[in-house]
Protein backbone atom coordinates (compact mmCIF):
# COMPACT_ATOMS: atom_id res chain seq x y z
CA MET A 1 29.93 36.43 -36.76
CA SER A 2 32.14 34.59 -34.33
CA SER A 3 31.71 30.88 -33.76
CA LYS A 4 30.91 31.61 -30.11
CA THR A 5 28.01 33.91 -31.06
CA ALA A 6 26.66 31.44 -33.63
CA SER A 7 26.78 28.67 -31.07
CA LYS A 8 24.85 30.77 -28.54
CA ARG A 9 22.14 31.61 -31.08
CA LYS A 10 21.80 27.95 -31.97
CA ARG A 11 21.39 27.04 -28.31
CA ASP A 12 18.80 29.80 -27.90
CA ARG A 13 16.82 28.51 -30.91
CA GLU A 14 16.90 24.97 -29.59
CA LYS A 15 15.80 26.17 -26.16
CA ARG A 16 12.88 28.14 -27.63
CA LYS A 17 11.90 25.09 -29.72
CA GLU A 18 11.91 22.86 -26.63
CA GLU A 19 9.80 25.41 -24.74
CA ARG A 20 7.24 25.50 -27.56
CA GLN A 21 7.10 21.72 -27.68
CA GLU A 22 6.66 21.54 -23.89
CA ALA A 23 3.84 24.10 -24.07
CA LYS A 24 2.11 22.01 -26.75
CA ARG A 25 2.48 18.88 -24.64
CA ARG A 26 0.92 20.64 -21.65
CA ALA A 27 -1.96 21.93 -23.77
CA ARG A 28 -2.62 18.44 -25.15
CA SER A 29 -2.48 16.98 -21.64
CA LEU A 30 -4.95 19.55 -20.31
CA LYS A 31 -7.26 18.92 -23.27
CA ILE A 32 -7.19 15.16 -22.71
CA GLN A 33 -7.75 15.56 -18.97
CA GLY A 34 -10.65 17.92 -19.62
CA ARG A 35 -12.22 15.45 -22.03
CA ARG A 36 -11.83 12.65 -19.51
CA VAL A 37 -13.44 14.76 -16.80
CA ARG A 38 -16.35 15.53 -19.11
CA GLU A 39 -16.70 11.85 -20.06
CA VAL A 40 -16.74 10.81 -16.39
CA ALA A 41 -19.32 13.49 -15.64
CA VAL A 42 -21.51 12.21 -18.49
CA ARG A 43 -21.16 8.62 -17.33
CA ASP A 44 -21.95 9.53 -13.76
CA SER A 45 -25.08 11.41 -14.81
CA ARG A 46 -26.55 8.42 -16.66
CA PRO A 47 -29.38 6.56 -14.90
CA THR A 48 -28.41 3.17 -13.52
CA PHE A 49 -30.43 -0.04 -13.79
CA LEU A 50 -29.98 -3.22 -11.78
CA ILE A 51 -31.89 -6.14 -13.32
CA VAL A 52 -31.96 -9.29 -11.19
CA CYS A 53 -33.27 -12.36 -13.00
CA GLU A 54 -34.62 -15.67 -11.79
CA GLY A 55 -32.84 -17.54 -14.60
CA GLU A 56 -29.08 -17.63 -14.91
CA LYS A 57 -28.92 -17.48 -18.72
CA THR A 58 -32.17 -17.07 -20.69
CA GLU A 59 -33.29 -13.72 -19.29
CA PRO A 60 -29.79 -12.28 -18.65
CA ASN A 61 -28.70 -13.13 -22.20
CA TYR A 62 -31.72 -11.29 -23.57
CA PHE A 63 -31.44 -8.13 -21.46
CA ARG A 64 -27.66 -7.87 -21.86
CA SER A 65 -28.17 -7.72 -25.63
CA PHE A 66 -29.95 -4.35 -25.55
CA PRO A 67 -27.62 -1.73 -27.09
CA VAL A 68 -28.13 0.70 -24.22
CA ARG A 69 -26.00 3.84 -24.61
CA SER A 70 -27.33 6.56 -22.34
CA ALA A 71 -27.81 4.46 -19.19
CA GLN A 72 -25.78 2.01 -17.15
CA VAL A 73 -27.29 -1.46 -16.93
CA ARG A 74 -26.14 -4.39 -14.83
CA VAL A 75 -27.93 -7.71 -15.33
CA VAL A 76 -27.58 -10.50 -12.79
CA GLY A 77 -28.83 -14.08 -13.10
CA LYS A 78 -29.21 -15.63 -9.64
CA GLY A 79 -30.84 -19.03 -10.14
CA MET A 80 -33.30 -18.18 -7.35
CA ASN A 81 -37.08 -17.85 -7.37
CA THR A 82 -39.95 -15.73 -6.01
CA GLU A 83 -39.30 -14.54 -2.44
CA SER A 84 -35.63 -15.53 -2.24
CA LEU A 85 -34.94 -13.78 -5.54
CA VAL A 86 -36.60 -10.54 -4.42
CA ARG A 87 -34.77 -10.58 -1.10
CA GLU A 88 -31.46 -11.06 -2.90
CA ALA A 89 -32.31 -8.25 -5.34
CA LEU A 90 -33.07 -5.87 -2.47
CA ARG A 91 -29.80 -6.84 -0.79
CA LEU A 92 -27.87 -6.04 -3.99
CA GLN A 93 -29.73 -2.76 -4.30
CA ARG A 94 -28.61 -1.69 -0.83
CA THR A 95 -25.03 -2.28 -1.94
CA GLU A 96 -25.18 -0.75 -5.41
CA GLU A 97 -27.84 1.96 -4.99
CA SER A 98 -29.03 1.89 -8.61
CA ASP A 99 -31.72 4.29 -9.80
CA GLU A 100 -34.06 1.49 -10.83
CA LEU A 101 -34.21 -2.06 -9.52
CA TRP A 102 -36.07 -4.64 -11.60
CA VAL A 103 -36.76 -8.22 -10.57
CA VAL A 104 -37.54 -10.73 -13.33
CA PHE A 105 -39.30 -13.97 -12.42
CA ASP A 106 -42.02 -16.39 -13.61
CA ARG A 107 -45.13 -17.97 -12.18
CA ASP A 108 -43.88 -21.45 -13.07
CA SER A 109 -45.39 -24.01 -10.70
CA PHE A 110 -44.91 -22.02 -7.52
CA GLN A 111 -47.70 -21.62 -5.02
CA ALA A 112 -49.86 -18.53 -5.41
CA GLU A 113 -48.87 -17.46 -1.88
CA GLN A 114 -45.21 -17.40 -2.89
CA VAL A 115 -45.94 -15.16 -5.89
CA VAL A 116 -48.07 -12.80 -3.79
CA GLU A 117 -45.34 -12.56 -1.15
CA ALA A 118 -42.68 -11.89 -3.80
CA PHE A 119 -44.74 -8.98 -5.15
CA ARG A 120 -45.29 -7.64 -1.64
CA LEU A 121 -41.57 -7.72 -0.87
CA ALA A 122 -40.76 -6.00 -4.17
CA GLU A 123 -43.32 -3.25 -3.67
CA ASP A 124 -42.26 -2.62 -0.08
CA GLY A 125 -38.63 -2.41 -1.19
CA GLY A 126 -39.26 -0.11 -4.17
CA ALA A 127 -38.41 -2.74 -6.79
CA ARG A 128 -40.22 -3.07 -10.10
CA VAL A 129 -41.30 -6.49 -11.31
CA ALA A 130 -41.15 -8.03 -14.78
CA PHE A 131 -43.37 -11.05 -14.16
CA SER A 132 -44.45 -13.74 -16.63
CA HIS A 133 -47.25 -16.24 -16.26
CA GLU A 134 -46.37 -19.01 -16.84
CA ALA A 135 -42.91 -18.56 -18.34
CA PHE A 136 -40.62 -15.88 -19.76
CA GLU A 137 -41.17 -17.40 -23.21
CA VAL A 138 -44.67 -15.89 -23.35
CA TRP A 139 -42.91 -12.56 -24.00
CA TYR A 140 -41.02 -14.09 -26.92
CA LEU A 141 -44.17 -15.66 -28.36
CA LEU A 142 -46.01 -12.32 -28.32
CA HIS A 143 -43.57 -11.04 -30.95
CA PHE A 144 -45.28 -13.33 -33.45
CA HIS A 145 -48.94 -13.33 -32.45
CA TYR A 146 -51.41 -12.58 -29.71
CA CYS A 147 -52.15 -15.57 -27.48
CA ASP A 148 -54.52 -15.66 -24.52
CA SER A 149 -54.60 -19.44 -23.99
CA ASN A 150 -52.78 -20.91 -21.02
CA LEU A 151 -49.89 -22.99 -22.33
CA SER A 152 -47.32 -25.16 -20.61
CA ARG A 153 -43.64 -24.28 -20.68
CA THR A 154 -43.00 -27.08 -23.16
CA THR A 155 -45.73 -25.84 -25.47
CA TYR A 156 -44.22 -22.34 -25.51
CA GLN A 157 -40.93 -23.80 -26.66
CA ASP A 158 -42.61 -25.85 -29.38
CA ARG A 159 -44.52 -22.80 -30.61
CA LEU A 160 -41.36 -20.71 -30.71
CA THR A 161 -39.62 -23.40 -32.74
CA GLU A 162 -42.41 -23.09 -35.31
CA CYS A 163 -42.35 -19.29 -35.31
CA LEU A 164 -38.58 -19.02 -35.56
CA ASN A 165 -38.29 -21.72 -38.24
CA GLU A 166 -35.48 -23.20 -36.16
CA LYS A 167 -35.23 -25.04 -32.87
CA TYR A 168 -35.75 -22.70 -29.96
CA ARG A 169 -32.95 -22.87 -27.42
CA LYS A 170 -33.59 -21.35 -23.99
CA ASN A 171 -30.09 -19.95 -23.61
CA ASP A 172 -29.85 -18.54 -27.15
CA ARG A 173 -27.72 -15.37 -27.02
CA GLY A 174 -29.24 -14.21 -30.31
CA MET A 175 -32.87 -13.87 -29.23
CA TYR A 176 -32.74 -10.08 -28.98
CA ARG A 177 -31.46 -9.83 -32.55
CA LYS A 178 -34.04 -12.33 -33.82
CA LEU A 179 -36.95 -10.52 -32.18
CA ILE A 180 -36.14 -6.81 -32.20
CA GLY A 181 -37.82 -6.23 -35.57
CA LYS A 182 -41.12 -7.43 -34.07
CA VAL A 183 -40.85 -5.69 -30.70
CA ASP A 184 -43.68 -3.22 -31.40
CA VAL A 185 -46.02 -6.16 -32.04
CA ALA A 186 -44.96 -7.76 -28.75
CA LEU A 187 -45.42 -4.52 -26.79
CA ASN A 188 -48.96 -4.11 -28.10
CA ASN A 189 -49.86 -7.77 -27.49
CA ALA A 190 -48.49 -7.65 -23.94
CA GLU A 191 -50.56 -4.55 -23.16
CA LYS A 192 -53.65 -6.26 -24.54
CA LEU A 193 -53.04 -9.36 -22.40
CA LEU A 194 -52.45 -7.26 -19.30
CA ALA A 195 -55.75 -5.46 -19.82
CA LEU A 196 -57.51 -8.79 -20.27
CA HIS A 197 -56.38 -9.95 -16.83
CA ALA A 198 -56.63 -6.60 -15.07
CA GLU A 199 -59.22 -7.83 -12.55
CA LYS A 200 -57.47 -11.10 -11.71
CA PRO A 201 -54.97 -11.75 -8.90
CA ARG A 202 -51.42 -11.63 -10.25
CA ALA A 203 -50.78 -15.29 -9.56
CA ASP A 204 -53.81 -16.27 -11.65
CA ALA A 205 -53.36 -13.83 -14.54
CA GLY A 206 -52.20 -16.24 -17.20
CA PRO A 207 -50.99 -16.04 -19.78
CA SER A 208 -49.58 -12.57 -19.25
CA THR A 209 -46.34 -10.69 -18.81
CA THR A 210 -45.05 -7.35 -17.61
CA VAL A 211 -41.65 -7.84 -19.23
CA HIS A 212 -42.73 -5.27 -21.81
CA LEU A 213 -42.59 -2.58 -19.11
CA LEU A 214 -38.88 -3.21 -18.59
CA VAL A 215 -38.30 -3.49 -22.34
CA ARG A 216 -39.93 -0.09 -22.90
CA ARG A 217 -37.63 1.46 -20.30
CA LEU A 218 -34.48 -0.01 -21.82
CA LEU A 219 -35.46 1.05 -25.33
CA GLU A 220 -35.63 4.65 -24.12
CA PHE A 221 -31.85 4.53 -23.72
CA CYS A 222 -31.03 2.72 -26.96
CA PRO A 223 -29.94 4.56 -30.14
């Protein structure tokens, strides 16, 4: 075999090798692109939640801790209350167009008229409300025991310190982890409290909470 022929065969082999490698690269690229398209499609098909909270840390820290996998959840802490909070939530909803809008606020010391108006605005705008009378901490306390006595905000914190065997801190990022093992107890206690106050105006239904309604929804999308 002449050196010229051998050289040509070598070039042909190298060319065929390069063509095979290029074909493999294209196949890998198409596979990756296809997977990305499927992942985007899955993400886009997940329900979206917008949760707008009265508090800037306590409630957002809790809801952001849920290990939601099959839904998209955005939690916002606005530092607003009652009517102004609901109006801001509805404004955000018009921008983001989430599937479910939830507004989280407390009775605190606001006038009953303000609470009633906040509920009216939410209902008219299609928002769901996670409302606590008197404070969000009633939801935490229900993880430990049923309580139908009206307590002050300070008393809730003292009770939680006893139940947790450590000082309760409002902005504790670990509250979800500390409470999740008792969530079934809290859900049942919250339902019981809600039934107890079923005939009362919302602003007077204390202690009570509808936070459990939002919690149930989020748990549907957790592993």
